[in-house]
Amino acid sequence: MIARLDVLCRSALVICGLERRSAYEAAALLGIDPAGVEGAYWAAIESLEVIRCEQFQQQNDSAAVYN
């Protein structure tokens, strides 16, 4: 699922979300502005929500076929 994210979004998600570093720390690591990190992080979160909804829909469609 996470492989579907672009590199910047994935990096921001890992650094800020999993490693719990600030946007300023992530920006220093990535060589971009902290606002760019925040935007990429929230884009990653939104993308994961969409992917999760798509997977849920596919599971429900498959279950409907078997019923």
N, C-alpha and C. Protein backbone atom coordinates (compact mmCIF):
# COMPACT_ATOMS: atom_id res chain seq x y z
N MET A 1 0.83 -1.18 0.00
CA MET A 1 0.00 0.00 0.00
C MET A 1 0.88 1.26 0.00
N ILE A 2 1.87 1.29 0.86
CA ILE A 2 2.72 2.48 0.95
C ILE A 2 3.56 2.66 -0.31
N ALA A 3 3.80 1.59 -1.05
CA ALA A 3 4.60 1.67 -2.27
C ALA A 3 3.90 2.51 -3.34
N ARG A 4 2.59 2.70 -3.23
CA ARG A 4 1.85 3.51 -4.20
C ARG A 4 2.07 5.00 -4.00
N LEU A 5 2.68 5.40 -2.90
CA LEU A 5 2.95 6.81 -2.64
C LEU A 5 4.23 7.24 -3.36
N ASP A 6 4.30 8.52 -3.74
CA ASP A 6 5.54 8.99 -4.34
C ASP A 6 6.62 9.08 -3.26
N VAL A 7 7.84 9.26 -3.69
CA VAL A 7 8.99 9.19 -2.78
C VAL A 7 8.92 10.26 -1.68
N LEU A 8 8.56 11.48 -2.03
CA LEU A 8 8.51 12.55 -1.04
C LEU A 8 7.42 12.28 -0.01
N CYS A 9 6.24 11.89 -0.45
CA CYS A 9 5.15 11.59 0.49
C CYS A 9 5.53 10.43 1.40
N ARG A 10 6.11 9.41 0.83
CA ARG A 10 6.53 8.24 1.62
C ARG A 10 7.58 8.65 2.65
N SER A 11 8.54 9.46 2.23
CA SER A 11 9.60 9.91 3.15
C SER A 11 9.01 10.75 4.28
N ALA A 12 8.15 11.68 3.95
CA ALA A 12 7.52 12.51 4.98
C ALA A 12 6.70 11.67 5.95
N LEU A 13 6.00 10.68 5.42
CA LEU A 13 5.19 9.80 6.27
C LEU A 13 6.06 9.03 7.25
N VAL A 14 7.16 8.50 6.76
CA VAL A 14 8.06 7.71 7.62
C VAL A 14 8.74 8.61 8.64
N ILE A 15 9.31 9.72 8.19
CA ILE A 15 10.08 10.58 9.09
C ILE A 15 9.18 11.23 10.15
N CYS A 16 8.06 11.78 9.71
CA CYS A 16 7.18 12.49 10.66
C CYS A 16 6.21 11.55 11.38
N GLY A 17 5.66 10.60 10.63
CA GLY A 17 4.65 9.74 11.22
C GLY A 17 5.21 8.59 12.03
N LEU A 18 6.20 7.90 11.51
CA LEU A 18 6.74 6.74 12.21
C LEU A 18 7.89 7.10 13.15
N GLU A 19 8.79 7.93 12.67
CA GLU A 19 9.94 8.32 13.51
C GLU A 19 9.60 9.45 14.47
N ARG A 20 8.44 10.07 14.29
CA ARG A 20 7.93 11.15 15.15
C ARG A 20 8.86 12.35 15.20
N ARG A 21 9.49 12.67 14.06
CA ARG A 21 10.33 13.86 13.97
C ARG A 21 9.48 15.04 13.52
N SER A 22 9.93 16.23 13.81
CA SER A 22 9.20 17.43 13.41
C SER A 22 9.34 17.68 11.91
N ALA A 23 8.47 18.54 11.41
CA ALA A 23 8.56 18.93 10.00
C ALA A 23 9.88 19.64 9.73
N TYR A 24 10.39 20.36 10.73
CA TYR A 24 11.66 21.06 10.57
C TYR A 24 12.82 20.06 10.45
N GLU A 25 12.80 19.01 11.26
CA GLU A 25 13.84 17.98 11.17
C GLU A 25 13.76 17.26 9.83
N ALA A 26 12.54 16.91 9.44
CA ALA A 26 12.35 16.23 8.15
C ALA A 26 12.79 17.11 7.00
N ALA A 27 12.48 18.39 7.08
CA ALA A 27 12.87 19.33 6.02
C ALA A 27 14.39 19.39 5.89
N ALA A 28 15.08 19.39 7.03
CA ALA A 28 16.54 19.42 7.00
C ALA A 28 17.09 18.14 6.36
N LEU A 29 16.49 17.01 6.68
CA LEU A 29 16.93 15.74 6.10
C LEU A 29 16.66 15.66 4.60
N LEU A 30 15.51 16.18 4.19
CA LEU A 30 15.09 16.07 2.80
C LEU A 30 15.56 17.24 1.93
N GLY A 31 16.03 18.30 2.56
CA GLY A 31 16.51 19.46 1.82
C GLY A 31 15.38 20.28 1.19
N ILE A 32 14.24 20.32 1.88
CA ILE A 32 13.11 21.12 1.40
C ILE A 32 12.57 21.98 2.53
N ASP A 33 11.59 22.80 2.22
CA ASP A 33 10.94 23.67 3.18
C ASP A 33 10.03 22.85 4.11
N PRO A 34 9.92 23.23 5.39
CA PRO A 34 9.02 22.52 6.30
C PRO A 34 7.56 22.48 5.81
N ALA A 35 7.12 23.52 5.14
CA ALA A 35 5.76 23.52 4.60
C ALA A 35 5.60 22.43 3.54
N GLY A 36 6.65 22.18 2.78
CA GLY A 36 6.63 21.10 1.79
C GLY A 36 6.51 19.74 2.44
N VAL A 37 7.19 19.57 3.57
CA VAL A 37 7.11 18.32 4.32
C VAL A 37 5.69 18.12 4.84
N GLU A 38 5.12 19.17 5.41
CA GLU A 38 3.76 19.07 5.95
C GLU A 38 2.76 18.74 4.84
N GLY A 39 2.92 19.38 3.70
CA GLY A 39 2.03 19.10 2.57
C GLY A 39 2.16 17.66 2.09
N ALA A 40 3.40 17.18 2.00
CA ALA A 40 3.64 15.81 1.56
C ALA A 40 3.10 14.81 2.58
N TYR A 41 3.26 15.11 3.86
CA TYR A 41 2.76 14.22 4.92
C TYR A 41 1.24 14.09 4.82
N TRP A 42 0.54 15.21 4.71
CA TRP A 42 -0.92 15.15 4.65
C TRP A 42 -1.41 14.56 3.33
N ALA A 43 -0.67 14.78 2.26
CA ALA A 43 -1.02 14.12 0.99
C ALA A 43 -0.89 12.62 1.12
N ALA A 44 0.13 12.16 1.85
CA ALA A 44 0.31 10.72 2.08
C ALA A 44 -0.84 10.16 2.89
N ILE A 45 -1.23 10.86 3.94
CA ILE A 45 -2.35 10.41 4.78
C ILE A 45 -3.62 10.30 3.94
N GLU A 46 -3.91 11.33 3.16
CA GLU A 46 -5.11 11.31 2.31
C GLU A 46 -5.05 10.19 1.28
N SER A 47 -3.88 9.98 0.69
CA SER A 47 -3.73 8.91 -0.29
C SER A 47 -3.95 7.55 0.33
N LEU A 48 -3.43 7.35 1.54
CA LEU A 48 -3.63 6.07 2.22
C LEU A 48 -5.10 5.84 2.55
N GLU A 49 -5.83 6.90 2.89
CA GLU A 49 -7.26 6.77 3.14
C GLU A 49 -8.00 6.35 1.87
N VAL A 50 -7.62 6.93 0.74
CA VAL A 50 -8.24 6.58 -0.54
C VAL A 50 -7.92 5.12 -0.90
N ILE A 51 -6.67 4.74 -0.73
CA ILE A 51 -6.26 3.36 -1.03
C ILE A 51 -7.02 2.39 -0.14
N ARG A 52 -7.15 2.71 1.13
CA ARG A 52 -7.87 1.85 2.06
C ARG A 52 -9.34 1.72 1.65
N CYS A 53 -9.95 2.81 1.23
CA CYS A 53 -11.35 2.77 0.76
C CYS A 53 -11.47 1.92 -0.50
N GLU A 54 -10.51 2.04 -1.42
CA GLU A 54 -10.53 1.22 -2.64
C GLU A 54 -10.44 -0.26 -2.30
N GLN A 55 -9.56 -0.60 -1.36
CA GLN A 55 -9.41 -2.00 -0.96
C GLN A 55 -10.68 -2.52 -0.29
N PHE A 56 -11.29 -1.70 0.54
CA PHE A 56 -12.54 -2.07 1.20
C PHE A 56 -13.63 -2.33 0.16
N GLN A 57 -13.71 -1.45 -0.83
CA GLN A 57 -14.70 -1.60 -1.88
C GLN A 57 -14.47 -2.88 -2.67
N GLN A 58 -13.22 -3.17 -2.99
CA GLN A 58 -12.90 -4.40 -3.72
C GLN A 58 -13.28 -5.63 -2.91
N GLN A 59 -13.04 -5.61 -1.62
CA GLN A 59 -13.41 -6.74 -0.77
C GLN A 59 -14.92 -6.92 -0.74
N ASN A 60 -15.64 -5.83 -0.65
CA ASN A 60 -17.10 -5.91 -0.63
C ASN A 60 -17.65 -6.38 -1.97
N ASP A 61 -17.03 -5.94 -3.06
CA ASP A 61 -17.46 -6.40 -4.38
C ASP A 61 -17.23 -7.89 -4.53
N SER A 62 -16.10 -8.38 -4.02
CA SER A 62 -15.79 -9.81 -4.07
C SER A 62 -16.76 -10.59 -3.21
N ALA A 63 -17.08 -10.09 -2.04
CA ALA A 63 -18.01 -10.77 -1.14
C ALA A 63 -19.40 -10.83 -1.74
N ALA A 64 -19.81 -9.79 -2.46
CA ALA A 64 -21.12 -9.77 -3.08
C ALA A 64 -21.23 -10.81 -4.17
N VAL A 65 -20.14 -11.09 -4.86
CA VAL A 65 -20.14 -12.10 -5.92
C VAL A 65 -20.38 -13.49 -5.33
N TYR A 66 -19.81 -13.74 -4.16
CA TYR A 66 -19.94 -15.06 -3.53
C TYR A 66 -21.28 -15.25 -2.84
N ASN A 67 -22.00 -14.21 -2.57
CA ASN A 67 -23.29 -14.33 -1.89
C ASN A 67 -24.37 -14.46 -2.86
